[in-house]
Protein backbone atom coordinates (compact mmCIF):
# COMPACT_ATOMS: atom_id res chain seq x y z
CA MET A 1 -0.60 5.16 -3.96
CA GLY A 2 -2.53 7.99 -5.18
CA SER A 3 -2.28 6.99 -8.73
CA ALA A 4 -3.28 3.36 -7.79
CA ARG A 5 -6.45 4.62 -6.06
CA THR A 6 -7.30 6.77 -8.94
CA ALA A 7 -6.69 3.89 -11.49
CA LEU A 8 -8.98 1.63 -9.06
CA PHE A 9 -11.78 4.10 -8.96
CA ASN A 10 -11.80 4.65 -12.73
CA TRP A 11 -11.86 0.70 -13.33
CA LEU A 12 -14.47 0.22 -10.76
CA TYR A 13 -16.74 2.77 -12.34
CA ALA A 14 -16.11 1.53 -15.82
CA ARG A 15 -16.83 -2.02 -14.75
CA HIS A 16 -19.84 -1.05 -12.78
CA THR A 17 -21.41 0.85 -15.61
CA GLY A 18 -20.29 -1.36 -18.60
CA GLY A 19 -18.08 1.38 -19.93
CA GLU A 20 -14.50 1.12 -21.48
CA LEU A 21 -11.53 1.96 -19.35
CA VAL A 22 -8.95 3.75 -21.29
CA LEU A 23 -5.27 3.55 -20.20
CA ARG A 24 -3.54 6.65 -21.16
CA ILE A 25 0.18 7.08 -20.50
CA GLU A 26 0.78 10.65 -20.21
CA ASP A 27 4.55 10.71 -21.22
CA THR A 28 4.91 14.04 -23.26
CA ASN A 29 7.57 14.91 -20.79
CA ALA A 30 10.36 12.60 -21.79
CA GLU A 31 12.64 13.62 -18.83
CA LEU A 32 9.96 12.34 -16.46
CA ALA A 33 8.40 9.50 -18.52
CA THR A 34 11.36 6.87 -18.38
CA PRO A 35 11.06 3.23 -19.22
CA GLU A 36 11.18 2.14 -15.84
CA PHE A 37 8.38 4.67 -14.86
CA ILE A 38 6.21 3.24 -17.63
CA ASP A 39 6.94 -0.38 -16.80
CA ASN A 40 6.26 0.41 -13.18
CA ILE A 41 2.54 1.59 -14.24
CA TYR A 42 1.84 -1.68 -16.16
CA ARG A 43 3.36 -3.86 -13.20
CA SER A 44 1.29 -1.98 -10.54
CA LEU A 45 -1.85 -2.28 -12.44
CA GLU A 46 -1.54 -5.84 -13.43
CA TRP A 47 -0.45 -6.80 -9.77
CA LEU A 48 -3.59 -5.10 -8.51
CA GLY A 49 -5.81 -6.98 -11.10
CA LEU A 50 -6.90 -3.83 -12.91
CA ASP A 51 -7.27 -4.45 -16.56
CA TRP A 52 -8.01 -2.08 -19.38
CA ASP A 53 -9.87 -1.86 -22.72
CA GLY A 54 -7.84 -1.71 -25.94
CA GLU A 55 -4.32 -0.71 -26.43
CA PRO A 56 -2.81 1.66 -24.02
CA VAL A 57 -2.67 5.14 -25.41
CA ARG A 58 0.87 6.62 -25.35
CA GLN A 59 0.77 10.45 -25.70
CA SER A 60 4.37 10.28 -26.85
CA ARG A 61 3.23 8.63 -30.05
CA ARG A 62 0.36 11.07 -30.70
CA GLY A 63 2.49 14.24 -31.33
CA GLU A 64 1.23 15.05 -34.79
CA LEU A 65 -2.28 15.34 -33.57
CA TYR A 66 -1.03 17.81 -30.86
CA GLN A 67 1.09 19.69 -33.20
CA GLU A 68 -1.94 20.15 -35.54
CA ALA A 69 -4.02 21.61 -32.58
CA VAL A 70 -1.36 24.14 -31.79
CA GLU A 71 -1.10 25.14 -35.40
CA ARG A 72 -4.99 25.76 -35.31
CA LEU A 73 -4.92 27.82 -32.12
CA LEU A 74 -1.94 30.00 -33.50
CA ALA A 75 -3.72 30.58 -36.72
CA ASP A 76 -6.99 31.76 -35.08
CA GLY A 77 -5.16 33.83 -32.54
CA SER A 78 -6.13 31.68 -29.58
CA ALA A 79 -2.33 31.13 -28.91
CA TYR A 80 0.81 33.14 -29.53
CA HIS A 81 4.74 32.67 -29.64
CA ASP A 82 6.34 33.76 -26.55
CA ASP A 83 10.13 33.57 -25.99
CA GLY A 84 10.58 30.22 -27.80
CA ALA A 85 7.33 28.72 -26.49
CA VAL A 86 3.61 28.84 -27.56
CA ARG A 87 1.08 30.08 -24.82
CA PHE A 88 -2.56 29.98 -24.71
CA ARG A 89 -4.39 33.24 -24.73
CA VAL A 90 -6.80 32.97 -21.70
CA PRO A 91 -9.91 35.30 -22.04
CA GLU A 92 -9.55 38.27 -19.80
CA ASP A 93 -13.08 38.03 -18.48
CA GLY A 94 -15.79 35.31 -17.86
CA ILE A 95 -15.82 32.20 -15.85
CA THR A 96 -14.82 28.61 -16.74
CA ALA A 97 -16.94 26.08 -14.71
CA TRP A 98 -18.02 22.52 -14.69
CA PRO A 99 -20.27 20.37 -12.58
CA ASP A 100 -18.11 18.08 -10.47
CA VAL A 101 -19.64 14.88 -9.39
CA ILE A 102 -17.85 15.11 -6.01
CA ARG A 103 -17.43 18.85 -5.51
CA GLY A 104 -20.59 20.24 -7.04
CA VAL A 105 -20.35 23.24 -9.55
CA VAL A 106 -16.66 24.48 -9.70
CA ASN A 107 -15.87 28.02 -10.90
CA PHE A 108 -12.62 29.49 -11.98
CA GLU A 109 -12.51 33.13 -12.93
CA ASN A 110 -10.55 33.47 -16.17
CA ARG A 111 -8.75 36.63 -15.08
CA HIS A 112 -6.83 34.48 -12.51
CA ILE A 113 -5.58 31.93 -15.04
CA GLU A 114 -2.30 32.81 -16.54
CA ASP A 115 -1.61 32.33 -20.35
CA PHE A 116 -0.31 28.86 -19.94
CA VAL A 117 2.27 27.04 -22.17
CA ILE A 118 0.98 24.68 -24.71
CA ARG A 119 4.19 23.91 -26.60
CA ARG A 120 7.59 24.10 -25.05
CA SER A 121 10.53 25.68 -26.74
CA ASP A 122 11.79 22.14 -27.64
CA GLY A 123 8.72 21.68 -29.61
CA SER A 124 7.19 18.98 -27.39
CA THR A 125 3.38 19.84 -26.11
CA THR A 126 2.25 20.09 -22.65
CA PHE A 127 -0.07 18.14 -20.46
CA PHE A 128 -2.91 20.31 -20.88
CA LEU A 129 -2.93 20.45 -24.67
CA ALA A 130 -2.50 16.82 -24.95
CA ASN A 131 -5.45 15.87 -22.64
CA ALA A 132 -7.64 18.31 -24.47
CA VAL A 133 -7.04 16.86 -27.60
CA ASP A 134 -7.00 13.18 -26.45
CA ASP A 135 -10.19 13.59 -24.49
CA ALA A 136 -12.02 14.90 -27.55
CA ASP A 137 -10.32 12.51 -30.04
CA LEU A 138 -11.03 9.30 -27.87
CA GLY A 139 -14.45 10.26 -26.92
CA ILE A 140 -13.78 10.32 -23.20
CA THR A 141 -17.04 10.67 -21.31
CA HIS A 142 -15.78 10.53 -17.55
CA VAL A 143 -12.41 11.93 -16.09
CA ILE A 144 -11.89 10.61 -12.53
CA ARG A 145 -8.59 11.97 -11.10
CA GLY A 146 -7.14 13.58 -8.09
CA GLU A 147 -7.97 16.92 -6.57
CA ASP A 148 -4.47 17.99 -7.04
CA LEU A 149 -5.34 18.31 -10.76
CA LEU A 150 -8.24 20.43 -10.11
CA ASN A 151 -6.57 23.57 -11.55
CA VAL A 152 -5.64 21.78 -14.79
CA THR A 153 -9.34 21.21 -15.62
CA PRO A 154 -10.35 24.95 -16.49
CA LYS A 155 -7.21 25.16 -18.75
CA VAL A 156 -8.22 21.88 -20.49
CA LEU A 157 -11.82 23.16 -20.91
CA LEU A 158 -10.64 26.41 -22.33
CA LEU A 159 -8.50 24.55 -24.86
CA ARG A 160 -11.61 22.26 -25.85
CA ALA A 161 -13.81 25.48 -26.62
CA ALA A 162 -11.09 27.10 -28.58
CA LEU A 163 -10.57 23.89 -30.62
CA GLY A 164 -14.52 23.75 -31.36
CA VAL A 165 -14.96 20.68 -29.31
CA GLU A 166 -18.68 20.64 -27.96
CA GLY A 167 -19.81 19.44 -24.61
CA GLN A 168 -17.54 18.39 -21.37
CA PRO A 169 -16.82 15.05 -20.07
CA LEU A 170 -18.15 14.36 -16.60
CA PHE A 171 -15.43 15.19 -13.95
CA ALA A 172 -14.97 13.76 -10.52
CA HIS A 173 -11.90 15.03 -8.56
CA LEU A 174 -10.95 12.69 -5.86
CA PRO A 175 -10.04 13.76 -2.26
CA LEU A 176 -6.32 13.82 -1.44
CA ILE A 177 -4.82 10.85 0.57
CA VAL A 178 -3.32 11.84 3.77
CA ASP A 179 -1.33 10.10 6.54
CA GLU A 180 -2.37 9.53 10.08
CA ASP A 181 -1.41 13.20 10.99
CA ARG A 182 -3.61 14.44 8.30
CA LYS A 183 -0.54 15.47 6.17
CA LYS A 184 -0.31 14.70 2.47
CA LEU A 185 1.45 11.41 1.61
CA SER A 186 4.96 12.29 0.63
CA LYS A 187 7.68 9.88 -1.10
CA ARG A 188 10.24 11.30 1.47
CA ARG A 189 8.13 10.21 4.54
CA HIS A 190 6.15 7.39 3.70
CA ALA A 191 6.21 4.15 1.61
CA VAL A 192 3.91 5.27 -1.26
CA ALA A 193 4.68 2.91 -4.11
CA VAL A 194 2.31 -0.09 -4.76
CA GLU A 195 5.46 -2.34 -5.32
CA ASP A 196 6.78 -1.42 -1.74
CA PHE A 197 3.69 -3.05 -0.19
CA ARG A 198 3.74 -5.98 -2.62
CA ASP A 199 7.50 -6.74 -1.40
CA GLN A 200 6.24 -6.32 2.40
CA GLY A 201 3.88 -9.24 1.66
CA TYR A 202 0.66 -7.64 1.15
CA LEU A 203 -1.91 -9.43 -1.05
CA PRO A 204 -3.05 -7.43 -4.32
CA GLU A 205 -6.65 -8.39 -3.63
CA ALA A 206 -6.36 -7.02 0.02
CA MET A 207 -4.50 -3.85 -1.33
CA ALA A 208 -7.28 -3.31 -3.87
CA ASN A 209 -10.07 -3.80 -1.30
CA TYR A 210 -8.41 -1.32 1.08
CA LEU A 211 -7.74 1.30 -1.75
CA ALA A 212 -11.30 1.22 -2.64
CA LEU A 213 -12.27 2.41 1.03
CA LEU A 214 -10.15 5.59 0.64
CA GLY A 215 -12.91 7.99 0.00
CA TRP A 216 -15.64 5.54 -0.67
CA GLY A 217 -17.40 3.10 1.50
CA PRO A 218 -20.13 0.40 0.79
CA PRO A 219 -23.69 1.47 1.75
CA ASP A 220 -24.18 -1.47 3.96
CA GLY A 221 -20.95 -0.85 5.92
CA VAL A 222 -19.17 -4.18 5.04
CA GLU A 223 -15.78 -3.17 4.10
CA ILE A 224 -13.94 -6.39 3.44
CA ARG A 225 -15.73 -8.17 0.56
CA PRO A 226 -14.94 -9.68 -2.94
CA MET A 227 -14.09 -7.17 -5.63
CA GLY A 228 -17.00 -8.37 -7.66
CA GLU A 229 -19.21 -7.09 -5.00
CA ILE A 230 -17.38 -3.89 -4.81
CA VAL A 231 -17.95 -3.38 -8.46
CA GLU A 232 -21.62 -3.87 -8.05
CA LEU A 233 -21.85 -1.33 -5.28
CA PHE A 234 -19.43 1.44 -6.42
CA ASP A 235 -20.68 4.69 -7.54
CA ILE A 236 -18.57 7.91 -7.91
CA ALA A 237 -21.51 9.91 -6.45
CA ASP A 238 -20.79 8.11 -3.17
CA ILE A 239 -17.21 9.40 -2.87
CA ASN A 240 -16.52 11.72 0.00
CA GLN A 241 -15.08 15.10 -0.35
CA ALA A 242 -12.94 14.90 2.71
CA PRO A 243 -9.21 13.75 2.60
CA ALA A 244 -8.82 10.04 2.92
CA ALA A 245 -6.47 8.90 5.59
CA PHE A 246 -4.08 5.91 4.56
CA ASP A 247 -3.91 3.78 7.56
CA VAL A 248 -1.25 1.09 7.70
CA LYS A 249 -2.65 -0.64 10.60
CA LYS A 250 -6.06 -0.94 8.89
CA LEU A 251 -4.36 -2.03 5.59
CA THR A 252 -2.62 -4.65 7.70
CA HIS A 253 -5.79 -5.82 9.37
CA VAL A 254 -7.35 -6.21 6.00
CA ASN A 255 -4.61 -8.00 4.65
CA GLY A 256 -4.68 -10.49 7.53
CA GLU A 257 -8.34 -11.23 6.87
CA TYR A 258 -7.63 -12.07 3.31
CA ILE A 259 -4.70 -14.30 4.22
CA ARG A 260 -6.95 -16.20 6.47
CA ALA A 261 -9.44 -16.66 3.89
CA LEU A 262 -6.86 -18.32 1.24
CA ALA A 263 -7.04 -22.05 0.74
CA PRO A 264 -4.02 -23.77 2.49
CA GLU A 265 -2.38 -24.70 -0.74
CA GLU A 266 -2.74 -21.26 -2.09
CA PHE A 267 -1.46 -19.73 1.28
CA VAL A 268 1.71 -21.91 0.76
CA LYS A 269 1.89 -20.97 -3.02
CA ARG A 270 1.72 -17.18 -2.01
CA SER A 271 4.16 -17.62 0.77
CA ARG A 272 6.85 -19.27 -1.10
CA PRO A 273 8.58 -15.98 -2.58
CA PHE A 274 9.02 -14.92 1.12
CA LEU A 275 10.72 -18.12 2.35
CA ARG A 276 14.28 -19.21 2.17
CA SER A 277 15.04 -22.38 0.03
CA PRO A 278 15.40 -25.09 -0.20
CA LEU A 279 12.33 -26.34 1.78
CA ASP A 280 11.00 -29.78 2.47
CA ASP A 281 7.58 -29.44 0.60
CA GLY A 282 5.82 -32.02 2.93
CA VAL A 283 7.12 -30.13 5.91
CA LEU A 284 6.01 -26.92 4.62
CA ALA A 285 2.46 -28.29 3.71
CA ALA A 286 2.10 -29.52 7.28
CA VAL A 287 3.37 -26.36 9.16
CA ALA A 288 1.91 -23.65 6.92
CA PRO A 289 -1.58 -23.92 8.45
CA LEU A 290 -0.18 -23.45 11.74
CA VAL A 291 0.73 -19.88 11.05
CA GLN A 292 -1.88 -19.03 8.52
CA GLU A 293 -4.23 -17.71 11.25
CA ARG A 294 -1.58 -15.61 12.97
CA VAL A 295 0.46 -13.76 10.30
CA LYS A 296 -0.69 -10.47 8.77
CA THR A 297 1.57 -10.25 5.91
CA LEU A 298 3.44 -12.88 3.83
CA ALA A 299 6.66 -11.48 5.09
CA ASP A 300 5.71 -12.70 8.56
CA VAL A 301 5.54 -16.30 7.54
CA TRP A 302 9.29 -17.14 7.52
CA PRO A 303 9.98 -15.65 10.98
CA HIS A 304 7.12 -17.79 12.34
CA LEU A 305 8.19 -20.99 10.36
CA ASP A 306 12.10 -20.68 10.25
CA PHE A 307 12.76 -22.97 13.17
CA PHE A 308 11.21 -25.89 11.29
CA PHE A 309 13.80 -25.53 8.76
CA LEU A 310 17.05 -24.34 10.54
CA ALA A 311 19.56 -26.72 12.10
CA GLU A 312 19.19 -24.70 15.29
CA PRO A 313 16.78 -22.14 16.23
CA ASP A 314 17.72 -18.50 15.68
CA PHE A 315 17.29 -17.27 19.49
CA ASP A 316 15.80 -13.84 19.84
CA PRO A 317 17.96 -12.27 22.59
CA ASP A 318 15.05 -10.43 24.22
CA ALA A 319 13.10 -13.69 24.35
CA TRP A 320 15.93 -15.61 25.97
CA GLN A 321 16.63 -12.78 28.52
CA LYS A 322 12.81 -12.69 29.34
CA VAL A 323 12.24 -16.31 29.82
CA MET A 324 15.26 -18.27 30.28
CA THR A 325 16.15 -17.86 33.86
CA ALA A 326 18.70 -20.55 35.39
CA GLY A 327 16.46 -21.61 38.26
CA GLU A 328 12.72 -22.02 37.18
CA SER A 329 13.61 -22.40 33.48
CA ALA A 330 16.17 -25.04 33.95
CA ALA A 331 13.92 -27.15 36.25
CA ILE A 332 11.18 -26.85 33.44
CA LEU A 333 13.38 -27.94 30.75
CA ASP A 334 14.86 -30.91 32.80
CA ALA A 335 11.36 -32.02 33.63
CA ALA A 336 10.24 -31.61 29.77
CA ALA A 337 13.25 -33.53 28.61
CA ALA A 338 12.37 -36.51 30.91
CA ALA A 339 8.62 -36.39 30.22
CA TYR A 340 9.00 -36.14 26.43
CA GLU A 341 11.46 -39.15 26.33
CA ASP A 342 8.66 -41.48 26.44
CA SER A 343 5.35 -39.40 25.94
CA GLU A 344 2.94 -40.38 22.89
CA TRP A 345 4.07 -37.99 20.27
CA THR A 346 0.75 -36.14 19.43
CA ALA A 347 -0.16 -32.47 20.03
CA GLU A 348 -2.91 -33.56 22.71
CA ALA A 349 -0.52 -35.88 24.47
CA LEU A 350 2.30 -33.12 24.50
CA HIS A 351 -0.16 -30.66 25.75
CA GLU A 352 -1.23 -32.82 28.69
CA VAL A 353 2.32 -33.98 29.77
CA THR A 354 3.34 -30.35 29.72
CA ARG A 355 0.30 -29.20 31.82
CA ARG A 356 1.18 -31.88 34.40
CA LEU A 357 4.74 -31.11 34.65
CA GLY A 358 3.74 -27.28 34.98
CA GLU A 359 1.53 -28.37 37.91
CA THR A 360 4.38 -30.00 39.73
CA GLN A 361 6.28 -26.83 39.27
CA GLY A 362 3.27 -24.74 40.64
CA LEU A 363 2.95 -23.13 37.34
CA LYS A 364 0.09 -22.67 34.76
CA LEU A 365 0.51 -24.05 31.19
CA GLY A 366 1.29 -20.71 29.82
CA LYS A 367 4.22 -20.09 32.20
CA ALA A 368 5.30 -23.68 31.90
CA GLN A 369 5.62 -24.01 28.16
CA ALA A 370 7.47 -20.48 27.83
CA PRO A 371 10.92 -21.94 28.23
CA ILE A 372 10.03 -24.98 25.98
CA ARG A 373 8.88 -22.56 23.25
CA VAL A 374 12.06 -20.52 23.58
CA ALA A 375 14.18 -23.58 23.50
CA VAL A 376 12.67 -25.11 20.51
CA THR A 377 11.64 -22.05 18.40
CA GLY A 378 13.91 -19.31 19.69
CA ARG A 379 11.07 -17.07 20.33
CA THR A 380 8.33 -16.32 22.62
CA VAL A 381 5.58 -16.08 20.10
CA GLY A 382 4.99 -18.27 16.98
CA PRO A 383 2.75 -21.15 15.85
CA PRO A 384 0.87 -23.40 18.44
CA LEU A 385 3.77 -25.07 20.50
CA PHE A 386 2.48 -28.55 20.74
CA GLU A 387 1.33 -28.97 17.06
CA SER A 388 4.83 -27.63 16.14
CA LEU A 389 6.59 -30.29 18.40
CA ALA A 390 4.41 -33.10 16.86
CA VAL A 391 5.80 -31.97 13.57
CA LEU A 392 9.39 -31.50 14.49
CA GLY A 393 9.54 -34.97 16.19
CA ARG A 394 10.90 -36.21 19.27
CA GLU A 395 14.54 -36.40 18.50
CA VAL A 396 14.72 -32.65 17.21
CA THR A 397 12.58 -31.50 20.09
CA LEU A 398 14.72 -33.16 22.75
CA ASP A 399 17.93 -32.17 21.07
CA ARG A 400 16.79 -28.46 21.41
CA ILE A 401 15.63 -28.68 24.83
CA ASN A 402 18.86 -30.33 25.97
CA ARG A 403 21.03 -27.68 24.03
CA ALA A 404 19.04 -24.80 25.83
CA ARG A 405 19.56 -26.44 29.01
CA GLY A 406 23.03 -26.65 28.53
CA MET A 407 23.27 -22.87 27.58
CA LEU A 408 21.60 -22.12 30.95
CA GLY A 409 24.41 -23.93 32.90
């Protein structure tokens, strides 16, 4: 999730300023950079709608450049061999500093920086060396990344200076993302992969909108808005230094707003991967709008609609125990079965009939319709009851009411 937010902020700034976004795959460590890991980067960016300019830069394919840089540093004494590896010789005094857009001027005393490895004993070069070379070779002007890489920056700057590269990119180190308890997000304790949320039914545009709010906020305070507007408003100078709390409840709220904004046919299209098949397209098109206003994720759609497509409702035991009492509920089901037998079959008519039969039992509509809802849908919550009955039809509705009545004894 942190990497996705970092990629988003880079994308937003590049698009805001008319710059070019370079996608650099830092895969010099073959053990960590597996094909699945690389594919996940591409899938996640594409799902979020984040494009890049030019071909992706794979560091694993630029080894010759890095080796030349190592040899230059060895030749001029800026690096030395040490127990099978090559280390950079950090100056013993002085300060390495840079003006960080988010944190102001950042200083590192060189005496606190160890002589770090730039080429491993297996001949591969490290993150520090590859980044210093690539930033210079590719003409990188802005580096936006997480504050957990803050201590990498002085090493990269020292390498740039030793290689004779003039100037510095503009750095912006983003605040960490923490959970509700203000603890750093952890793979062991949290769902932190973008694809986890995709599989849970979150929309990519909702996720991108929410990620943009982690450390940044629009100046007018309107948080849920089209990405084009976010691009226009975004500026790295407005990013907060404080850790950004990842709040699943807020993400879910944002997602619900985006779901409600979908055109009905688009809502059906997006929902299909989360539904069981085969489904009657006509019925699905008729019933989907009944739940679009109520679900917060696409994974919620099937539990709200399953009773339309199952031969019998899948009864929720808690709902049955709460609502289906032998006395009062049995009387309501008996009355509903009789009244629905010859009622006009529209949502409005069924609403009125149910209201009247509730009055005869001394019950308000909400109380009167509860046993009918459980009998027909299997649950106490769901889409509007009478609209649902209108779609199900008289025969199915009466059959389910009579089945439930028989279960009550």
